[in-house]
Amino acid sequence: MASQRPPSGRPMSRGSLVPGTGRPPTTIRPPPTAIRVGTGIVPGTGRPGTRGGALGTPGVLSAQIKVADRPVTQQGLSGMKTGMKGPQRQILDKSYYLGLLRSKINELTTETSKLQKEIDTFNQENSVYLSYEKRAEGLAGELKDLQGQLADYNMLVDKLNTNTEMEDVINDFNMLKAQNDREAQSMDVIFTERR
């Protein structure tokens, strides 16, 4: 039973030293203090250049390095850009959601004011367009009348240039007037029949 007992934590006496060496026997020697305890990391999976990671061949750059990741500034190389700076909000309480609602409401009000301005400019342009359209219709009728007068004057100038007598012009006028009167009467008859 005594041989199965674990060794006590007391220091060993001088009588248990190995003769001639001044040190304890190897079977009873305490473990060295620099024993590394395993961390559960598989070798070769850590960061490169550390004890846990695999080392690349010396003098050869790794293919994973990108120059765009390290932009050069006036002061030299800058660090890598991190995603978020500072602590993030840990508690999503009532004030957080009220802040979100206020920001969304502000966005909606700016968008509605922008749309209202667009509607106002459209209505203004539409009213201006309608007034211009009415004016254009009046000017088109006036232009048609002036074109008819111009055609009459051009025909008169042609008759004068061809040395046509005034009696011939009056005869042509009377003949055309009689023809127009007959056509106007026939149109009136057709109109009354249709009615």
C-alpha atoms as a PDB file:
ATOM      1  CA  MET A   1       0.000   0.000   0.000  1.00  0.00           C
ATOM      2  CA  ALA A   2       2.778   2.338   0.838  1.00  0.00           C
ATOM      3  CA  SER A   3       4.340   1.875  -2.576  1.00  0.00           C
ATOM      4  CA  GLN A   4       1.148   3.077  -4.307  1.00  0.00           C
ATOM      5  CA  ARG A   5       1.052   6.352  -2.424  1.00  0.00           C
ATOM      6  CA  PRO A   6       1.838   9.453  -4.526  1.00  0.00           C
ATOM      7  CA  PRO A   7       4.992  11.359  -3.670  1.00  0.00           C
ATOM      8  CA  SER A   8       4.504  14.203  -1.247  1.00  0.00           C
ATOM      9  CA  GLY A   9       5.230  17.822  -2.082  1.00  0.00           C
ATOM     10  CA  ARG A  10       8.058  18.037   0.461  1.00  0.00           C
ATOM     11  CA  PRO A  11      11.593  18.569  -0.778  1.00  0.00           C
ATOM     12  CA  MET A  12      13.724  15.509  -0.924  1.00  0.00           C
ATOM     13  CA  SER A  13      16.328  14.920   1.655  1.00  0.00           C
ATOM     14  CA  ARG A  14      20.032  14.809   0.887  1.00  0.00           C
ATOM     15  CA  GLY A  15      20.052  11.161   1.414  1.00  0.00           C
ATOM     16  CA  SER A  16      18.097  10.565  -1.818  1.00  0.00           C
ATOM     17  CA  LEU A  17      20.709  12.086  -4.127  1.00  0.00           C
ATOM     18  CA  VAL A  18      22.472  10.019  -6.669  1.00  0.00           C
ATOM     19  CA  PRO A  19      25.899   9.246  -5.253  1.00  0.00           C
ATOM     20  CA  GLY A  20      28.709  11.262  -6.853  1.00  0.00           C
ATOM     21  CA  THR A  21      26.503  13.656  -8.860  1.00  0.00           C
ATOM     22  CA  GLY A  22      24.811  15.822  -6.268  1.00  0.00           C
ATOM     23  CA  ARG A  23      21.491  15.651  -8.060  1.00  0.00           C
ATOM     24  CA  PRO A  24      18.319  13.660  -7.465  1.00  0.00           C
ATOM     25  CA  PRO A  25      17.695  10.495  -9.433  1.00  0.00           C
ATOM     26  CA  THR A  26      15.895  10.958 -12.766  1.00  0.00           C
ATOM     27  CA  THR A  27      12.894   8.938 -11.774  1.00  0.00           C
ATOM     28  CA  ILE A  28      11.998  11.333  -8.980  1.00  0.00           C
ATOM     29  CA  ARG A  29      13.168  14.604 -10.601  1.00  0.00           C
ATOM     30  CA  PRO A  30      10.429  17.313 -10.746  1.00  0.00           C
ATOM     31  CA  PRO A  31       9.253  18.318 -14.202  1.00  0.00           C
ATOM     32  CA  PRO A  32      11.043  21.273 -15.822  1.00  0.00           C
ATOM     33  CA  THR A  33       9.259  24.640 -15.462  1.00  0.00           C
ATOM     34  CA  ALA A  34       9.246  25.534 -19.192  1.00  0.00           C
ATOM     35  CA  ILE A  35       6.851  22.865 -20.416  1.00  0.00           C
ATOM     36  CA  ARG A  36       4.522  24.205 -23.125  1.00  0.00           C
ATOM     37  CA  VAL A  37       0.919  23.162 -22.711  1.00  0.00           C
ATOM     38  CA  GLY A  38      -0.895  22.297 -25.960  1.00  0.00           C
ATOM     39  CA  THR A  39      -3.577  24.811 -27.007  1.00  0.00           C
ATOM     40  CA  GLY A  40      -5.558  22.615 -29.339  1.00  0.00           C
ATOM     41  CA  ILE A  41      -4.434  24.497 -32.470  1.00  0.00           C
ATOM     42  CA  VAL A  42      -3.548  22.307 -35.369  1.00  0.00           C
ATOM     43  CA  PRO A  43       0.028  23.061 -36.483  1.00  0.00           C
ATOM     44  CA  GLY A  44       0.219  25.092 -39.689  1.00  0.00           C
ATOM     45  CA  THR A  45      -3.151  26.824 -39.263  1.00  0.00           C
ATOM     46  CA  GLY A  46      -2.022  29.959 -37.401  1.00  0.00           C
ATOM     47  CA  ARG A  47      -0.915  33.256 -38.878  1.00  0.00           C
ATOM     48  CA  PRO A  48       2.061  33.114 -41.197  1.00  0.00           C
ATOM     49  CA  GLY A  49       5.327  34.050 -39.546  1.00  0.00           C
ATOM     50  CA  THR A  50       4.239  32.938 -36.046  1.00  0.00           C
ATOM     51  CA  ARG A  51       5.038  29.705 -34.333  1.00  0.00           C
ATOM     52  CA  GLY A  52       1.624  28.240 -35.113  1.00  0.00           C
ATOM     53  CA  GLY A  53       1.637  29.185 -38.796  1.00  0.00           C
ATOM     54  CA  ALA A  54       3.607  27.886 -41.698  1.00  0.00           C
ATOM     55  CA  LEU A  55       6.569  29.938 -42.797  1.00  0.00           C
ATOM     56  CA  GLY A  56       6.928  30.747 -46.445  1.00  0.00           C
ATOM     57  CA  THR A  57      10.109  30.310 -48.357  1.00  0.00           C
ATOM     58  CA  PRO A  58      12.556  33.095 -47.493  1.00  0.00           C
ATOM     59  CA  GLY A  59      12.929  35.853 -50.094  1.00  0.00           C
ATOM     60  CA  VAL A  60       9.688  35.028 -51.939  1.00  0.00           C
ATOM     61  CA  LEU A  61       6.615  37.232 -51.543  1.00  0.00           C
ATOM     62  CA  SER A  62       3.334  35.567 -50.776  1.00  0.00           C
ATOM     63  CA  ALA A  63       0.763  35.757 -53.595  1.00  0.00           C
ATOM     64  CA  GLN A  64      -1.913  36.994 -51.152  1.00  0.00           C
ATOM     65  CA  ILE A  65      -0.411  40.484 -50.751  1.00  0.00           C
ATOM     66  CA  LYS A  66      -2.166  43.156 -52.824  1.00  0.00           C
ATOM     67  CA  VAL A  67      -0.688  46.574 -53.411  1.00  0.00           C
ATOM     68  CA  ALA A  68      -4.143  48.203 -53.389  1.00  0.00           C
ATOM     69  CA  ASP A  69      -4.586  47.082 -49.776  1.00  0.00           C
ATOM     70  CA  ARG A  70      -1.671  49.281 -48.700  1.00  0.00           C
ATOM     71  CA  PRO A  71      -2.135  52.715 -50.331  1.00  0.00           C
ATOM     72  CA  VAL A  72       0.810  55.100 -50.169  1.00  0.00           C
ATOM     73  CA  THR A  73       0.215  58.537 -48.648  1.00  0.00           C
ATOM     74  CA  GLN A  74       2.494  61.551 -48.292  1.00  0.00           C
ATOM     75  CA  GLN A  75       3.611  60.284 -44.913  1.00  0.00           C
ATOM     76  CA  GLY A  76       4.346  56.742 -46.121  1.00  0.00           C
ATOM     77  CA  LEU A  77       2.383  53.529 -45.986  1.00  0.00           C
ATOM     78  CA  SER A  78      -0.957  53.679 -44.254  1.00  0.00           C
ATOM     79  CA  GLY A  79      -2.512  50.796 -42.421  1.00  0.00           C
ATOM     80  CA  MET A  80      -5.227  48.514 -43.662  1.00  0.00           C
ATOM     81  CA  LYS A  81      -8.711  50.011 -43.548  1.00  0.00           C
ATOM     82  CA  THR A  82     -10.880  48.407 -40.939  1.00  0.00           C
ATOM     83  CA  GLY A  83     -14.583  47.904 -41.275  1.00  0.00           C
ATOM     84  CA  MET A  84     -16.050  49.613 -38.216  1.00  0.00           C
ATOM     85  CA  LYS A  85     -14.397  52.037 -35.826  1.00  0.00           C
ATOM     86  CA  GLY A  86     -15.474  52.277 -32.246  1.00  0.00           C
ATOM     87  CA  PRO A  87     -17.874  50.145 -30.272  1.00  0.00           C
ATOM     88  CA  GLN A  88     -21.199  49.297 -31.775  1.00  0.00           C
ATOM     89  CA  ARG A  89     -24.480  49.882 -29.979  1.00  0.00           C
ATOM     90  CA  GLN A  90     -25.034  46.973 -27.674  1.00  0.00           C
ATOM     91  CA  ILE A  91     -28.631  47.610 -26.547  1.00  0.00           C
ATOM     92  CA  LEU A  92     -31.368  48.233 -29.113  1.00  0.00           C
ATOM     93  CA  ASP A  93     -33.847  50.017 -26.854  1.00  0.00           C
ATOM     94  CA  LYS A  94     -36.779  52.385 -27.456  1.00  0.00           C
ATOM     95  CA  SER A  95     -34.588  55.433 -28.087  1.00  0.00           C
ATOM     96  CA  TYR A  96     -32.612  53.562 -30.756  1.00  0.00           C
ATOM     97  CA  TYR A  97     -35.768  52.687 -32.694  1.00  0.00           C
ATOM     98  CA  LEU A  98     -37.139  56.218 -32.221  1.00  0.00           C
ATOM     99  CA  GLY A  99     -33.924  57.566 -33.743  1.00  0.00           C
ATOM    100  CA  LEU A 100     -34.316  55.222 -36.700  1.00  0.00           C
ATOM    101  CA  LEU A 101     -37.925  56.334 -37.167  1.00  0.00           C
ATOM    102  CA  ARG A 102     -36.933  60.006 -37.031  1.00  0.00           C
ATOM    103  CA  SER A 103     -34.257  59.523 -39.677  1.00  0.00           C
ATOM    104  CA  LYS A 104     -36.707  57.690 -41.960  1.00  0.00           C
ATOM    105  CA  ILE A 105     -39.363  60.380 -41.416  1.00  0.00           C
ATOM    106  CA  ASN A 106     -36.808  63.061 -42.350  1.00  0.00           C
ATOM    107  CA  GLU A 107     -35.950  61.168 -45.526  1.00  0.00           C
ATOM    108  CA  LEU A 108     -39.650  60.879 -46.418  1.00  0.00           C
ATOM    109  CA  THR A 109     -40.321  64.585 -45.828  1.00  0.00           C
ATOM    110  CA  THR A 110     -37.373  65.620 -48.013  1.00  0.00           C
ATOM    111  CA  GLU A 111     -38.553  63.264 -50.753  1.00  0.00           C
ATOM    112  CA  THR A 112     -42.137  64.550 -50.607  1.00  0.00           C
ATOM    113  CA  SER A 113     -40.958  68.173 -50.725  1.00  0.00           C
ATOM    114  CA  LYS A 114     -38.809  67.331 -53.733  1.00  0.00           C
ATOM    115  CA  LEU A 115     -41.768  65.674 -55.480  1.00  0.00           C
ATOM    116  CA  GLN A 116     -44.016  68.652 -54.623  1.00  0.00           C
ATOM    117  CA  LYS A 117     -41.505  71.027 -56.241  1.00  0.00           C
ATOM    118  CA  GLU A 118     -41.468  68.847 -59.359  1.00  0.00           C
ATOM    119  CA  ILE A 119     -45.290  68.875 -59.464  1.00  0.00           C
ATOM    120  CA  ASP A 120     -45.362  72.674 -59.119  1.00  0.00           C
ATOM    121  CA  THR A 121     -42.858  73.179 -61.947  1.00  0.00           C
ATOM    122  CA  PHE A 122     -44.802  70.729 -64.125  1.00  0.00           C
ATOM    123  CA  ASN A 123     -48.097  72.545 -63.502  1.00  0.00           C
ATOM    124  CA  GLN A 124     -46.461  75.886 -64.243  1.00  0.00           C
ATOM    125  CA  GLU A 125     -44.956  74.584 -67.483  1.00  0.00           C
ATOM    126  CA  ASN A 126     -48.308  73.025 -68.430  1.00  0.00           C
ATOM    127  CA  SER A 127     -50.210  76.297 -67.922  1.00  0.00           C
ATOM    128  CA  VAL A 128     -47.576  78.177 -69.942  1.00  0.00           C
ATOM    129  CA  TYR A 129     -47.851  75.533 -72.662  1.00  0.00           C
ATOM    130  CA  LEU A 130     -51.664  75.879 -72.815  1.00  0.00           C
ATOM    131  CA  SER A 131     -51.454  79.673 -73.118  1.00  0.00           C
ATOM    132  CA  TYR A 132     -48.846  79.344 -75.873  1.00  0.00           C
ATOM    133  CA  GLU A 133     -51.019  76.767 -77.640  1.00  0.00           C
ATOM    134  CA  LYS A 134     -54.038  79.129 -77.665  1.00  0.00           C
ATOM    135  CA  ARG A 135     -51.865  81.938 -78.918  1.00  0.00           C
ATOM    136  CA  ALA A 136     -50.420  79.683 -81.628  1.00  0.00           C
ATOM    137  CA  GLU A 137     -53.942  78.744 -82.813  1.00  0.00           C
ATOM    138  CA  GLY A 138     -54.885  82.411 -83.164  1.00  0.00           C
ATOM    139  CA  LEU A 139     -51.673  83.188 -85.010  1.00  0.00           C
ATOM    140  CA  ALA A 140     -52.216  80.189 -87.322  1.00  0.00           C
ATOM    141  CA  GLY A 141     -55.657  81.510 -88.335  1.00  0.00           C
ATOM    142  CA  GLU A 142     -54.194  84.969 -88.937  1.00  0.00           C
ATOM    143  CA  LEU A 143     -51.401  83.443 -91.012  1.00  0.00           C
ATOM    144  CA  LYS A 144     -53.943  81.559 -93.132  1.00  0.00           C
ATOM    145  CA  ASP A 145     -55.841  84.774 -93.879  1.00  0.00           C
ATOM    146  CA  LEU A 146     -52.647  86.591 -94.775  1.00  0.00           C
ATOM    147  CA  GLN A 147     -51.583  83.749 -97.075  1.00  0.00           C
ATOM    148  CA  GLY A 148     -54.941  84.032 -98.912  1.00  0.00           C
ATOM    149  CA  GLN A 149     -54.447  87.773 -99.350  1.00  0.00           C
ATOM    150  CA  LEU A 150     -50.903  87.188-100.583  1.00  0.00           C
ATOM    151  CA  ALA A 151     -52.144  84.674-103.153  1.00  0.00           C
ATOM    152  CA  ASP A 152     -54.682  87.264-104.399  1.00  0.00           C
ATOM    153  CA  TYR A 153     -51.989  89.917-104.690  1.00  0.00           C
ATOM    154  CA  ASN A 154     -49.636  87.507-106.484  1.00  0.00           C
ATOM    155  CA  MET A 155     -52.344  86.615-108.985  1.00  0.00           C
ATOM    156  CA  LEU A 156     -52.998  90.336-109.594  1.00  0.00           C
ATOM    157  CA  VAL A 157     -49.284  90.951-110.158  1.00  0.00           C
ATOM    158  CA  ASP A 158     -49.160  88.036-112.636  1.00  0.00           C
ATOM    159  CA  LYS A 159     -52.113  89.484-114.550  1.00  0.00           C
ATOM    160  CA  LEU A 160     -50.435  92.903-114.681  1.00  0.00           C
ATOM    161  CA  ASN A 161     -47.125  91.406-115.828  1.00  0.00           C
ATOM    162  CA  THR A 162     -48.805  89.529-118.672  1.00  0.00           C
ATOM    163  CA  ASN A 163     -50.540  92.742-119.823  1.00  0.00           C
ATOM    164  CA  THR A 164     -54.013  91.315-119.230  1.00  0.00           C
ATOM    165  CA  GLU A 165     -56.826  93.782-119.722  1.00  0.00           C
ATOM    166  CA  MET A 166     -58.883  94.909-116.739  1.00  0.00           C
ATOM    167  CA  GLU A 167     -62.097  93.745-118.389  1.00  0.00           C
ATOM    168  CA  ASP A 168     -60.735  90.168-118.597  1.00  0.00           C
ATOM    169  CA  VAL A 169     -59.892  90.250-114.911  1.00  0.00           C
ATOM    170  CA  ILE A 170     -63.386  91.506-114.042  1.00  0.00           C
ATOM    171  CA  ASN A 171     -64.977  88.797-116.239  1.00  0.00           C
ATOM    172  CA  ASP A 172     -62.897  86.084-114.490  1.00  0.00           C
ATOM    173  CA  PHE A 173     -63.947  87.536-111.144  1.00  0.00           C
ATOM    174  CA  ASN A 174     -67.634  87.486-112.017  1.00  0.00           C
ATOM    175  CA  MET A 175     -67.437  83.943-113.339  1.00  0.00           C
ATOM    176  CA  LEU A 176     -65.664  82.664-110.198  1.00  0.00           C
ATOM    177  CA  LYS A 177     -68.148  84.534-107.999  1.00  0.00           C
ATOM    178  CA  ALA A 178     -71.121  82.930-109.729  1.00  0.00           C
ATOM    179  CA  GLN A 179     -69.517  79.486-109.405  1.00  0.00           C
ATOM    180  CA  ASN A 180     -68.866  80.031-105.687  1.00  0.00           C
ATOM    181  CA  ASP A 181     -72.457  81.175-105.129  1.00  0.00           C
ATOM    182  CA  ARG A 182     -73.838  78.025-106.823  1.00  0.00           C
ATOM    183  CA  GLU A 183     -71.578  75.774-104.675  1.00  0.00           C
ATOM    184  CA  ALA A 184     -72.611  77.631-101.504  1.00  0.00           C
ATOM    185  CA  GLN A 185     -76.327  77.117-102.338  1.00  0.00           C
ATOM    186  CA  SER A 186     -75.821  73.395-103.005  1.00  0.00           C
ATOM    187  CA  MET A 187     -73.993  73.051 -99.696  1.00  0.00           C
ATOM    188  CA  ASP A 188     -76.840  74.814 -97.889  1.00  0.00           C
ATOM    189  CA  VAL A 189     -79.347  72.404 -99.468  1.00  0.00           C
ATOM    190  CA  ILE A 190     -77.273  69.364 -98.437  1.00  0.00           C
ATOM    191  CA  PHE A 191     -76.965  70.763 -94.914  1.00  0.00           C
ATOM    192  CA  THR A 192     -80.719  71.291 -94.541  1.00  0.00           C
ATOM    193  CA  GLU A 193     -81.451  67.792 -95.878  1.00  0.00           C
ATOM    194  CA  ARG A 194     -79.043  66.211 -93.421  1.00  0.00           C
ATOM    195  CA  ARG A 195     -80.583  68.159 -90.586  1.00  0.00           C
END
